[in-house]
Full PDB file with SEQRES, HELIX, SHEET, SSBOND, CRYST1, ORIGX, SCALE, CONECT and MASTER records, all heavy atoms in Angstrom:
SEQRES   1 A   43  PHE PRO TYR GLU TYR PRO SER GLU GLN VAL GLY LEU ALA          
SEQRES   2 A   43  LEU ALA GLY GLY GLY LEU GLU GLN ALA LEU PHE ASN LEU          
SEQRES   3 A   43  PRO PRO GLY ASP TRP ALA LYS GLY GLU ARG GLY MET ALA          
SEQRES   4 A   43  ALA ILE PRO GLY                                              
HELIX    1 AA1 SER A    7  GLY A   16  1                                  10    
HELIX    2 AA2 TRP A   31  LYS A   33  5                                   3    
CRYST1    1.000    1.000    1.000  90.00  90.00  90.00 P 1           1          
ORIGX1      1.000000  0.000000  0.000000        0.00000                         
ORIGX2      0.000000  1.000000  0.000000        0.00000                         
ORIGX3      0.000000  0.000000  1.000000        0.00000                         
SCALE1      1.000000  0.000000  0.000000        0.00000                         
SCALE2      0.000000  1.000000  0.000000        0.00000                         
SCALE3      0.000000  0.000000  1.000000        0.00000                         
ATOM      1  N   PHE A   1       0.828  -1.200   0.000  1.00  0.00           N  
ATOM      2  CA  PHE A   1       0.000   0.000   0.000  1.00  0.00           C  
ATOM      3  C   PHE A   1       0.867   1.256   0.000  1.00  0.00           C  
ATOM      4  O   PHE A   1       1.821   1.335   0.766  1.00  0.00           O  
ATOM      5  CB  PHE A   1      -0.904   0.039   1.241  1.00  0.00           C  
ATOM      6  CG  PHE A   1      -1.615  -1.261   1.507  1.00  0.00           C  
ATOM      7  CD1 PHE A   1      -1.230  -2.066   2.568  1.00  0.00           C  
ATOM      8  CD2 PHE A   1      -2.653  -1.677   0.700  1.00  0.00           C  
ATOM      9  CE1 PHE A   1      -1.867  -3.262   2.825  1.00  0.00           C  
ATOM     10  CE2 PHE A   1      -3.299  -2.871   0.938  1.00  0.00           C  
ATOM     11  CZ  PHE A   1      -2.908  -3.679   2.003  1.00  0.00           C  
ATOM     12  N   PRO A   2       0.508   2.250  -0.813  1.00  0.00           N  
ATOM     13  CA  PRO A   2       1.256   3.514  -0.814  1.00  0.00           C  
ATOM     14  C   PRO A   2       0.531   4.647  -0.099  1.00  0.00           C  
ATOM     15  O   PRO A   2       0.998   5.785  -0.103  1.00  0.00           O  
ATOM     16  CB  PRO A   2       1.319   3.828  -2.316  1.00  0.00           C  
ATOM     17  CG  PRO A   2      -0.002   3.327  -2.830  1.00  0.00           C  
ATOM     18  CD  PRO A   2      -0.362   2.119  -1.986  1.00  0.00           C  
ATOM     19  N   TYR A   3      -0.614   4.367   0.517  1.00  0.00           N  
ATOM     20  CA  TYR A   3      -1.571   5.420   0.839  1.00  0.00           C  
ATOM     21  C   TYR A   3      -1.184   6.316   2.006  1.00  0.00           C  
ATOM     22  O   TYR A   3      -1.852   7.327   2.259  1.00  0.00           O  
ATOM     23  CB  TYR A   3      -2.952   4.795   1.063  1.00  0.00           C  
ATOM     24  CG  TYR A   3      -3.356   3.911  -0.103  1.00  0.00           C  
ATOM     25  CD1 TYR A   3      -3.500   2.527   0.058  1.00  0.00           C  
ATOM     26  CD2 TYR A   3      -3.556   4.456  -1.370  1.00  0.00           C  
ATOM     27  CE1 TYR A   3      -3.838   1.720  -1.014  1.00  0.00           C  
ATOM     28  CE2 TYR A   3      -3.890   3.651  -2.445  1.00  0.00           C  
ATOM     29  CZ  TYR A   3      -4.031   2.278  -2.265  1.00  0.00           C  
ATOM     30  OH  TYR A   3      -4.350   1.500  -3.334  1.00  0.00           O  
ATOM     31  N   GLU A   4      -0.123   5.970   2.729  1.00  0.00           N  
ATOM     32  CA  GLU A   4       0.340   6.852   3.801  1.00  0.00           C  
ATOM     33  C   GLU A   4       1.126   8.040   3.253  1.00  0.00           C  
ATOM     34  O   GLU A   4       1.430   8.983   3.998  1.00  0.00           O  
ATOM     35  CB  GLU A   4       1.228   6.077   4.775  1.00  0.00           C  
ATOM     36  CG  GLU A   4       0.503   5.011   5.572  1.00  0.00           C  
ATOM     37  CD  GLU A   4       1.425   4.318   6.557  1.00  0.00           C  
ATOM     38  OE1 GLU A   4       2.541   4.821   6.786  1.00  0.00           O  
ATOM     39  OE2 GLU A   4       1.029   3.264   7.092  1.00  0.00           O  
ATOM     40  N   TYR A   5       1.442   8.014   1.978  1.00  0.00           N  
ATOM     41  CA  TYR A   5       2.281   9.040   1.369  1.00  0.00           C  
ATOM     42  C   TYR A   5       1.519   9.694   0.217  1.00  0.00           C  
ATOM     43  O   TYR A   5       0.768   9.018  -0.492  1.00  0.00           O  
ATOM     44  CB  TYR A   5       3.583   8.425   0.845  1.00  0.00           C  
ATOM     45  CG  TYR A   5       4.343   7.687   1.922  1.00  0.00           C  
ATOM     46  CD1 TYR A   5       4.090   6.339   2.167  1.00  0.00           C  
ATOM     47  CD2 TYR A   5       5.287   8.337   2.705  1.00  0.00           C  
ATOM     48  CE1 TYR A   5       4.774   5.662   3.174  1.00  0.00           C  
ATOM     49  CE2 TYR A   5       5.966   7.675   3.708  1.00  0.00           C  
ATOM     50  CZ  TYR A   5       5.692   6.327   3.938  1.00  0.00           C  
ATOM     51  OH  TYR A   5       6.360   5.675   4.941  1.00  0.00           O  
ATOM     52  N   PRO A   6       1.717  10.991  -0.016  1.00  0.00           N  
ATOM     53  CA  PRO A   6       1.062  11.635  -1.153  1.00  0.00           C  
ATOM     54  C   PRO A   6       1.444  10.945  -2.460  1.00  0.00           C  
ATOM     55  O   PRO A   6       2.593  10.536  -2.649  1.00  0.00           O  
ATOM     56  CB  PRO A   6       1.601  13.070  -1.102  1.00  0.00           C  
ATOM     57  CG  PRO A   6       1.995  13.278   0.329  1.00  0.00           C  
ATOM     58  CD  PRO A   6       2.500  11.950   0.796  1.00  0.00           C  
ATOM     59  N   SER A   7       0.495  10.813  -3.345  1.00  0.00           N  
ATOM     60  CA  SER A   7       0.744  10.089  -4.596  1.00  0.00           C  
ATOM     61  C   SER A   7       1.880  10.726  -5.396  1.00  0.00           C  
ATOM     62  O   SER A   7       2.667  10.024  -6.040  1.00  0.00           O  
ATOM     63  CB  SER A   7      -0.532  10.045  -5.442  1.00  0.00           C  
ATOM     64  OG  SER A   7      -0.998  11.354  -5.746  1.00  0.00           O  
ATOM     65  N   GLU A   8       1.993  12.054  -5.321  1.00  0.00           N  
ATOM     66  CA  GLU A   8       3.058  12.722  -6.076  1.00  0.00           C  
ATOM     67  C   GLU A   8       4.436  12.312  -5.563  1.00  0.00           C  
ATOM     68  O   GLU A   8       5.372  12.136  -6.350  1.00  0.00           O  
ATOM     69  CB  GLU A   8       2.892  14.245  -5.980  1.00  0.00           C  
ATOM     70  CG  GLU A   8       1.622  14.779  -6.605  1.00  0.00           C  
ATOM     71  CD  GLU A   8       0.414  14.702  -5.686  1.00  0.00           C  
ATOM     72  OE1 GLU A   8       0.558  14.188  -4.541  1.00  0.00           O  
ATOM     73  OE2 GLU A   8      -0.669  15.153  -6.094  1.00  0.00           O  
ATOM     74  N   GLN A   9       4.569  12.153  -4.231  1.00  0.00           N  
ATOM     75  CA  GLN A   9       5.854  11.745  -3.667  1.00  0.00           C  
ATOM     76  C   GLN A   9       6.221  10.318  -4.090  1.00  0.00           C  
ATOM     77  O   GLN A   9       7.381  10.028  -4.376  1.00  0.00           O  
ATOM     78  CB  GLN A   9       5.818  11.840  -2.147  1.00  0.00           C  
ATOM     79  CG  GLN A   9       5.789  13.256  -1.608  1.00  0.00           C  
ATOM     80  CD  GLN A   9       5.889  13.296  -0.091  1.00  0.00           C  
ATOM     81  OE1 GLN A   9       6.251  12.308   0.555  1.00  0.00           O  
ATOM     82  NE2 GLN A   9       5.558  14.446   0.493  1.00  0.00           N  
ATOM     83  N   VAL A  10       5.236   9.451  -4.114  1.00  0.00           N  
ATOM     84  CA  VAL A  10       5.488   8.077  -4.549  1.00  0.00           C  
ATOM     85  C   VAL A  10       5.912   8.062  -6.014  1.00  0.00           C  
ATOM     86  O   VAL A  10       6.874   7.382  -6.395  1.00  0.00           O  
ATOM     87  CB  VAL A  10       4.240   7.198  -4.331  1.00  0.00           C  
ATOM     88  CG1 VAL A  10       4.484   5.784  -4.856  1.00  0.00           C  
ATOM     89  CG2 VAL A  10       3.867   7.153  -2.859  1.00  0.00           C  
ATOM     90  N   GLY A  11       5.232   8.829  -6.832  1.00  0.00           N  
ATOM     91  CA  GLY A  11       5.597   8.906  -8.244  1.00  0.00           C  
ATOM     92  C   GLY A  11       6.995   9.445  -8.461  1.00  0.00           C  
ATOM     93  O   GLY A  11       7.748   8.945  -9.309  1.00  0.00           O  
ATOM     94  N   LEU A  12       7.375  10.454  -7.686  1.00  0.00           N  
ATOM     95  CA  LEU A  12       8.710  11.032  -7.815  1.00  0.00           C  
ATOM     96  C   LEU A  12       9.786  10.042  -7.365  1.00  0.00           C  
ATOM     97  O   LEU A  12      10.854   9.943  -7.990  1.00  0.00           O  
ATOM     98  CB  LEU A  12       8.809  12.315  -6.992  1.00  0.00           C  
ATOM     99  CG  LEU A  12       8.081  13.540  -7.569  1.00  0.00           C  
ATOM    100  CD1 LEU A  12       8.069  14.679  -6.556  1.00  0.00           C  
ATOM    101  CD2 LEU A  12       8.750  13.985  -8.879  1.00  0.00           C  
ATOM    102  N   ALA A  13       9.526   9.311  -6.287  1.00  0.00           N  
ATOM    103  CA  ALA A  13      10.495   8.318  -5.813  1.00  0.00           C  
ATOM    104  C   ALA A  13      10.677   7.212  -6.849  1.00  0.00           C  
ATOM    105  O   ALA A  13      11.799   6.750  -7.093  1.00  0.00           O  
ATOM    106  CB  ALA A  13      10.027   7.729  -4.486  1.00  0.00           C  
ATOM    107  N   LEU A  14       9.594   6.804  -7.458  1.00  0.00           N  
ATOM    108  CA  LEU A  14       9.660   5.780  -8.504  1.00  0.00           C  
ATOM    109  C   LEU A  14      10.474   6.280  -9.702  1.00  0.00           C  
ATOM    110  O   LEU A  14      11.386   5.594 -10.182  1.00  0.00           O  
ATOM    111  CB  LEU A  14       8.243   5.417  -8.939  1.00  0.00           C  
ATOM    112  CG  LEU A  14       8.093   4.298  -9.958  1.00  0.00           C  
ATOM    113  CD1 LEU A  14       8.368   2.946  -9.316  1.00  0.00           C  
ATOM    114  CD2 LEU A  14       6.674   4.313 -10.555  1.00  0.00           C  
ATOM    115  N   ALA A  15      10.156   7.478 -10.161  1.00  0.00           N  
ATOM    116  CA  ALA A  15      10.867   8.045 -11.312  1.00  0.00           C  
ATOM    117  C   ALA A  15      12.326   8.299 -10.983  1.00  0.00           C  
ATOM    118  O   ALA A  15      13.214   8.096 -11.822  1.00  0.00           O  
ATOM    119  CB  ALA A  15      10.189   9.335 -11.757  1.00  0.00           C  
ATOM    120  N   GLY A  16      12.596   8.720  -9.745  1.00  0.00           N  
ATOM    121  CA  GLY A  16      13.969   9.000  -9.349  1.00  0.00           C  
ATOM    122  C   GLY A  16      14.852   7.776  -9.383  1.00  0.00           C  
ATOM    123  O   GLY A  16      16.065   7.881  -9.613  1.00  0.00           O  
ATOM    124  N   GLY A  17      14.261   6.602  -9.181  1.00  0.00           N  
ATOM    125  CA  GLY A  17      15.020   5.360  -9.259  1.00  0.00           C  
ATOM    126  C   GLY A  17      15.037   4.753 -10.647  1.00  0.00           C  
ATOM    127  O   GLY A  17      15.668   3.712 -10.855  1.00  0.00           O  
ATOM    128  N   GLY A  18      14.316   5.401 -11.589  1.00  0.00           N  
ATOM    129  CA  GLY A  18      14.235   4.843 -12.939  1.00  0.00           C  
ATOM    130  C   GLY A  18      13.534   3.500 -12.956  1.00  0.00           C  
ATOM    131  O   GLY A  18      13.882   2.612 -13.744  1.00  0.00           O  
ATOM    132  N   LEU A  19      12.529   3.341 -12.102  1.00  0.00           N  
ATOM    133  CA  LEU A  19      11.883   2.058 -11.877  1.00  0.00           C  
ATOM    134  C   LEU A  19      10.496   2.002 -12.498  1.00  0.00           C  
ATOM    135  O   LEU A  19       9.846   3.028 -12.717  1.00  0.00           O  
ATOM    136  CB  LEU A  19      11.747   1.794 -10.381  1.00  0.00           C  
ATOM    137  CG  LEU A  19      13.049   1.669  -9.597  1.00  0.00           C  
ATOM    138  CD1 LEU A  19      12.797   1.885  -8.112  1.00  0.00           C  
ATOM    139  CD2 LEU A  19      13.676   0.300  -9.829  1.00  0.00           C  
ATOM    140  N   GLU A  20      10.034   0.779 -12.736  1.00  0.00           N  
ATOM    141  CA  GLU A  20       8.671   0.540 -13.181  1.00  0.00           C  
ATOM    142  C   GLU A  20       7.862  -0.009 -12.010  1.00  0.00           C  
ATOM    143  O   GLU A  20       8.355  -0.836 -11.242  1.00  0.00           O  
ATOM    144  CB  GLU A  20       8.666  -0.458 -14.344  1.00  0.00           C  
ATOM    145  CG  GLU A  20       7.316  -0.600 -15.024  1.00  0.00           C  
ATOM    146  CD  GLU A  20       7.386  -1.378 -16.335  1.00  0.00           C  
ATOM    147  OE1 GLU A  20       8.507  -1.634 -16.813  1.00  0.00           O  
ATOM    148  OE2 GLU A  20       6.314  -1.721 -16.858  1.00  0.00           O  
ATOM    149  N   GLN A  21       6.628   0.460 -11.883  1.00  0.00           N  
ATOM    150  CA  GLN A  21       5.745  -0.031 -10.831  1.00  0.00           C  
ATOM    151  C   GLN A  21       5.010  -1.269 -11.330  1.00  0.00           C  
ATOM    152  O   GLN A  21       4.233  -1.198 -12.273  1.00  0.00           O  
ATOM    153  CB  GLN A  21       4.739   1.044 -10.425  1.00  0.00           C  
ATOM    154  CG  GLN A  21       3.875   0.686  -9.238  1.00  0.00           C  
ATOM    155  CD  GLN A  21       4.650   0.694  -7.936  1.00  0.00           C  
ATOM    156  OE1 GLN A  21       5.413   1.619  -7.659  1.00  0.00           O  
ATOM    157  NE2 GLN A  21       4.458  -0.329  -7.124  1.00  0.00           N  
ATOM    158  N   ALA A  22       5.248  -2.395 -10.675  1.00  0.00           N  
ATOM    159  CA  ALA A  22       4.653  -3.650 -11.122  1.00  0.00           C  
ATOM    160  C   ALA A  22       3.258  -3.859 -10.577  1.00  0.00           C  
ATOM    161  O   ALA A  22       2.387  -4.402 -11.277  1.00  0.00           O  
ATOM    162  CB  ALA A  22       5.545  -4.825 -10.714  1.00  0.00           C  
ATOM    163  N   LEU A  23       3.024  -3.424  -9.323  1.00  0.00           N  
ATOM    164  CA  LEU A  23       1.780  -3.807  -8.646  1.00  0.00           C  
ATOM    165  C   LEU A  23       1.657  -3.069  -7.326  1.00  0.00           C  
ATOM    166  O   LEU A  23       2.657  -2.746  -6.694  1.00  0.00           O  
ATOM    167  CB  LEU A  23       1.825  -5.317  -8.356  1.00  0.00           C  
ATOM    168  CG  LEU A  23       0.709  -5.921  -7.496  1.00  0.00           C  
ATOM    169  CD1 LEU A  23      -0.536  -6.172  -8.341  1.00  0.00           C  
ATOM    170  CD2 LEU A  23       1.164  -7.230  -6.852  1.00  0.00           C  
ATOM    171  N   PHE A  24       0.438  -2.794  -6.898  1.00  0.00           N  
ATOM    172  CA  PHE A  24       0.127  -2.548  -5.498  1.00  0.00           C  
ATOM    173  C   PHE A  24      -1.332  -2.908  -5.264  1.00  0.00           C  
ATOM    174  O   PHE A  24      -2.054  -3.278  -6.192  1.00  0.00           O  
ATOM    175  CB  PHE A  24       0.478  -1.125  -5.031  1.00  0.00           C  
ATOM    176  CG  PHE A  24      -0.213   0.007  -5.752  1.00  0.00           C  
ATOM    177  CD1 PHE A  24      -1.476   0.434  -5.373  1.00  0.00           C  
ATOM    178  CD2 PHE A  24       0.429   0.679  -6.787  1.00  0.00           C  
ATOM    179  CE1 PHE A  24      -2.094   1.498  -6.010  1.00  0.00           C  
ATOM    180  CE2 PHE A  24      -0.183   1.746  -7.433  1.00  0.00           C  
ATOM    181  CZ  PHE A  24      -1.453   2.152  -7.049  1.00  0.00           C  
ATOM    182  N   ASN A  25      -1.777  -2.816  -4.015  1.00  0.00           N  
ATOM    183  CA  ASN A  25      -3.112  -3.270  -3.632  1.00  0.00           C  
ATOM    184  C   ASN A  25      -4.095  -2.114  -3.545  1.00  0.00           C  
ATOM    185  O   ASN A  25      -3.732  -0.993  -3.160  1.00  0.00           O  
ATOM    186  CB  ASN A  25      -3.076  -3.955  -2.264  1.00  0.00           C  
ATOM    187  CG  ASN A  25      -2.271  -5.233  -2.262  1.00  0.00           C  
ATOM    188  OD1 ASN A  25      -1.921  -5.775  -3.297  1.00  0.00           O  
ATOM    189  ND2 ASN A  25      -1.979  -5.732  -1.068  1.00  0.00           N  
ATOM    190  N   LEU A  26      -5.346  -2.413  -3.817  1.00  0.00           N  
ATOM    191  CA  LEU A  26      -6.412  -1.475  -3.496  1.00  0.00           C  
ATOM    192  C   LEU A  26      -6.479  -1.287  -1.980  1.00  0.00           C  
ATOM    193  O   LEU A  26      -6.039  -2.156  -1.217  1.00  0.00           O  
ATOM    194  CB  LEU A  26      -7.748  -2.017  -4.002  1.00  0.00           C  
ATOM    195  CG  LEU A  26      -7.923  -2.161  -5.519  1.00  0.00           C  
ATOM    196  CD1 LEU A  26      -9.246  -2.852  -5.830  1.00  0.00           C  
ATOM    197  CD2 LEU A  26      -7.858  -0.812  -6.217  1.00  0.00           C  
ATOM    198  N   PRO A  27      -7.033  -0.184  -1.493  1.00  0.00           N  
ATOM    199  CA  PRO A  27      -7.149   0.009  -0.042  1.00  0.00           C  
ATOM    200  C   PRO A  27      -7.863  -1.177   0.620  1.00  0.00           C  
ATOM    201  O   PRO A  27      -8.882  -1.656   0.124  1.00  0.00           O  
ATOM    202  CB  PRO A  27      -7.960   1.295   0.071  1.00  0.00           C  
ATOM    203  CG  PRO A  27      -7.624   2.059  -1.175  1.00  0.00           C  
ATOM    204  CD  PRO A  27      -7.509   1.007  -2.245  1.00  0.00           C  
ATOM    205  N   PRO A  28      -7.337  -1.638   1.783  1.00  0.00           N  
ATOM    206  CA  PRO A  28      -7.848  -2.866   2.397  1.00  0.00           C  
ATOM    207  C   PRO A  28      -8.837  -2.665   3.531  1.00  0.00           C  
ATOM    208  O   PRO A  28      -9.220  -3.630   4.191  1.00  0.00           O  
ATOM    209  CB  PRO A  28      -6.576  -3.482   2.952  1.00  0.00           C  
ATOM    210  CG  PRO A  28      -5.799  -2.290   3.437  1.00  0.00           C  
ATOM    211  CD  PRO A  28      -6.097  -1.182   2.438  1.00  0.00           C  
ATOM    212  N   GLY A  29      -9.252  -1.418   3.785  1.00  0.00           N  
ATOM    213  CA  GLY A  29      -9.988  -1.146   5.017  1.00  0.00           C  
ATOM    214  C   GLY A  29      -9.007  -0.745   6.100  1.00  0.00           C  
ATOM    215  O   GLY A  29      -7.935  -0.205   5.814  1.00  0.00           O  
ATOM    216  N   ASP A  30      -9.338  -1.023   7.342  1.00  0.00           N  
ATOM    217  CA  ASP A  30      -8.474  -0.642   8.463  1.00  0.00           C  
ATOM    218  C   ASP A  30      -7.473  -1.766   8.742  1.00  0.00           C  
ATOM    219  O   ASP A  30      -7.735  -2.682   9.511  1.00  0.00           O  
ATOM    220  CB  ASP A  30      -9.319  -0.363   9.706  1.00  0.00           C  
ATOM    221  CG  ASP A  30      -8.530   0.357  10.794  1.00  0.00           C  
ATOM    222  OD1 ASP A  30      -7.297   0.158  10.859  1.00  0.00           O  
ATOM    223  OD2 ASP A  30      -9.141   1.112  11.572  1.00  0.00           O  
ATOM    224  N   TRP A  31      -6.320  -1.672   8.124  1.00  0.00           N  
ATOM    225  CA  TRP A  31      -5.288  -2.704   8.241  1.00  0.00           C  
ATOM    226  C   TRP A  31      -4.816  -2.850   9.682  1.00  0.00           C  
ATOM    227  O   TRP A  31      -4.606  -3.969  10.168  1.00  0.00           O  
ATOM    228  CB  TRP A  31      -4.123  -2.350   7.316  1.00  0.00           C  
ATOM    229  CG  TRP A  31      -3.053  -3.382   7.215  1.00  0.00           C  
ATOM    230  CD1 TRP A  31      -1.924  -3.480   7.970  1.00  0.00           C  
ATOM    231  CD2 TRP A  31      -2.999  -4.476   6.291  1.00  0.00           C  
ATOM    232  NE1 TRP A  31      -1.168  -4.559   7.575  1.00  0.00           N  
ATOM    233  CE2 TRP A  31      -1.797  -5.192   6.538  1.00  0.00           C  
ATOM    234  CE3 TRP A  31      -3.840  -4.913   5.272  1.00  0.00           C  
ATOM    235  CZ2 TRP A  31      -1.424  -6.315   5.818  1.00  0.00           C  
ATOM    236  CZ3 TRP A  31      -3.463  -6.030   4.535  1.00  0.00           C  
ATOM    237  CH2 TRP A  31      -2.278  -6.731   4.812  1.00  0.00           C  
ATOM    238  N   ALA A  32      -4.661  -1.748  10.378  1.00  0.00           N  
ATOM    239  CA  ALA A  32      -4.164  -1.784  11.756  1.00  0.00           C  
ATOM    240  C   ALA A  32      -5.113  -2.542  12.682  1.00  0.00           C  
ATOM    241  O   ALA A  32      -4.687  -3.122  13.678  1.00  0.00           O  
ATOM    242  CB  ALA A  32      -3.949  -0.368  12.274  1.00  0.00           C  
ATOM    243  N   LYS A  33      -6.381  -2.550  12.350  1.00  0.00           N  
ATOM    244  CA  LYS A  33      -7.366  -3.270  13.155  1.00  0.00           C  
ATOM    245  C   LYS A  33      -7.600  -4.699  12.649  1.00  0.00           C  
ATOM    246  O   LYS A  33      -8.500  -5.384  13.143  1.00  0.00           O  
ATOM    247  CB  LYS A  33      -8.685  -2.505  13.167  1.00  0.00           C  
ATOM    248  CG  LYS A  33      -8.609  -1.201  13.965  1.00  0.00           C  
ATOM    249  CD  LYS A  33      -9.972  -0.533  14.045  1.00  0.00           C  
ATOM    250  CE  LYS A  33      -9.902   0.737  14.890  1.00  0.00           C  
ATOM    251  NZ  LYS A  33     -11.225   1.413  14.958  1.00  0.00           N  
ATOM    252  N   GLY A  34      -6.798  -5.120  11.660  1.00  0.00           N  
ATOM    253  CA  GLY A  34      -6.890  -6.496  11.209  1.00  0.00           C  
ATOM    254  C   GLY A  34      -7.702  -6.722   9.957  1.00  0.00           C  
ATOM    255  O   GLY A  34      -7.842  -7.868   9.507  1.00  0.00           O  
ATOM    256  N   GLU A  35      -8.230  -5.656   9.368  1.00  0.00           N  
ATOM    257  CA  GLU A  35      -8.996  -5.841   8.133  1.00  0.00           C  
ATOM    258  C   GLU A  35      -8.052  -6.153   6.988  1.00  0.00           C  
ATOM    259  O   GLU A  35      -6.956  -5.593   6.889  1.00  0.00           O  
ATOM    260  CB  GLU A  35      -9.833  -4.600   7.834  1.00  0.00           C  
ATOM    261  CG  GLU A  35     -10.944  -4.393   8.841  1.00  0.00           C  
ATOM    262  CD  GLU A  35     -11.892  -3.267   8.473  1.00  0.00           C  
ATOM    263  OE1 GLU A  35     -11.518  -2.402   7.659  1.00  0.00           O  
ATOM    264  OE2 GLU A  35     -13.014  -3.255   9.008  1.00  0.00           O  
ATOM    265  N   ARG A  36      -8.499  -7.034   6.117  1.00  0.00           N  
ATOM    266  CA  ARG A  36      -7.675  -7.476   4.995  1.00  0.00           C  
ATOM    267  C   ARG A  36      -8.468  -7.441   3.693  1.00  0.00           C  
ATOM    268  O   ARG A  36      -8.486  -8.374   2.908  1.00  0.00           O  
ATOM    269  CB  ARG A  36      -7.143  -8.903   5.255  1.00  0.00           C  
ATOM    270  CG  ARG A  36      -6.184  -8.999   6.454  1.00  0.00           C  
ATOM    271  CD  ARG A  36      -4.934  -8.181   6.238  1.00  0.00           C  
ATOM    272  NE  ARG A  36      -3.964  -8.288   7.318  1.00  0.00           N  
ATOM    273  CZ  ARG A  36      -3.847  -7.408   8.312  1.00  0.00           C  
ATOM    274  NH1 ARG A  36      -4.665  -6.366   8.387  1.00  0.00           N  
ATOM    275  NH2 ARG A  36      -2.921  -7.562   9.246  1.00  0.00           N  
ATOM    276  N   GLY A  37      -9.120  -6.310   3.472  1.00  0.00           N  
ATOM    277  CA  GLY A  37      -9.919  -6.133   2.282  1.00  0.00           C  
ATOM    278  C   GLY A  37     -11.396  -6.062   2.594  1.00  0.00           C  
ATOM    279  O   GLY A  37     -11.840  -6.412   3.699  1.00  0.00           O  
ATOM    280  N   MET A  38     -12.174  -5.599   1.605  1.00  0.00           N  
ATOM    281  CA  MET A  38     -13.614  -5.404   1.784  1.00  0.00           C  
ATOM    282  C   MET A  38     -14.449  -6.043   0.690  1.00  0.00           C  
ATOM    283  O   MET A  38     -15.673  -6.037   0.755  1.00  0.00           O  
ATOM    284  CB  MET A  38     -13.916  -3.901   1.803  1.00  0.00           C  
ATOM    285  CG  MET A  38     -13.228  -3.135   2.910  1.00  0.00           C  
ATOM    286  SD  MET A  38     -13.397  -1.341   2.695  1.00  0.00           S  
ATOM    287  CE  MET A  38     -12.113  -1.036   1.456  1.00  0.00           C  
ATOM    288  N   ALA A  39     -13.811  -6.594  -0.325  1.00  0.00           N  
ATOM    289  CA  ALA A  39     -14.524  -6.988  -1.539  1.00  0.00           C  
ATOM    290  C   ALA A  39     -15.597  -8.039  -1.294  1.00  0.00           C  
ATOM    291  O   ALA A  39     -16.603  -8.079  -2.008  1.00  0.00           O  
ATOM    292  CB  ALA A  39     -13.536  -7.485  -2.594  1.00  0.00           C  
ATOM    293  N   ALA A  40     -15.412  -8.917  -0.320  1.00  0.00           N  
ATOM    294  CA  ALA A  40     -16.378  -9.991  -0.056  1.00  0.00           C  
ATOM    295  C   ALA A  40     -17.219  -9.715   1.181  1.00  0.00           C  
ATOM    296  O   ALA A  40     -17.858 -10.635   1.707  1.00  0.00           O  
ATOM    297  CB  ALA A  40     -15.645 -11.327   0.103  1.00  0.00           C  
ATOM    298  N   ILE A  41     -17.250  -8.479   1.632  1.00  0.00           N  
ATOM    299  CA  ILE A  41     -17.967  -8.153   2.859  1.00  0.00           C  
ATOM    300  C   ILE A  41     -19.197  -7.314   2.524  1.00  0.00           C  
ATOM    301  O   ILE A  41     -19.074  -6.143   2.143  1.00  0.00           O  
ATOM    302  CB  ILE A  41     -17.050  -7.413   3.843  1.00  0.00           C  
ATOM    303  CG1 ILE A  41     -15.817  -8.264   4.163  1.00  0.00           C  
ATOM    304  CG2 ILE A  41     -17.811  -7.068   5.122  1.00  0.00           C  
ATOM    305  CD1 ILE A  41     -14.831  -7.612   5.083  1.00  0.00           C  
ATOM    306  N   PRO A  42     -20.390  -7.882   2.643  1.00  0.00           N  
ATOM    307  CA  PRO A  42     -21.614  -7.115   2.372  1.00  0.00           C  
ATOM    308  C   PRO A  42     -21.701  -5.888   3.266  1.00  0.00           C  
ATOM    309  O   PRO A  42     -21.314  -5.916   4.435  1.00  0.00           O  
ATOM    310  CB  PRO A  42     -22.728  -8.124   2.706  1.00  0.00           C  
ATOM    311  CG  PRO A  42     -22.098  -9.468   2.567  1.00  0.00           C  
ATOM    312  CD  PRO A  42     -20.671  -9.271   3.020  1.00  0.00           C  
ATOM    313  N   GLY A  43     -22.168  -4.789   2.679  1.00  0.00           N  
ATOM    314  CA  GLY A  43     -22.325  -3.558   3.432  1.00  0.00           C  
ATOM    315  C   GLY A  43     -21.153  -2.608   3.344  1.00  0.00           C  
ATOM    316  O   GLY A  43     -21.237  -1.483   3.834  1.00  0.00           O  
TER     317      GLY A  43                                                      
MASTER        0    0    0    2    0    0    0    6  316    1    0    4          
END                                                                             
């Protein structure tokens, strides 16, 4: 997850390393409280 950082900063760090972004996850809910996604949770 990149969501703790502004998207522009993540993009700049990626470009600064000359790197390609392969993958990241959609927001998972409250990770700190143990949530691991919402896609299969009604409501």
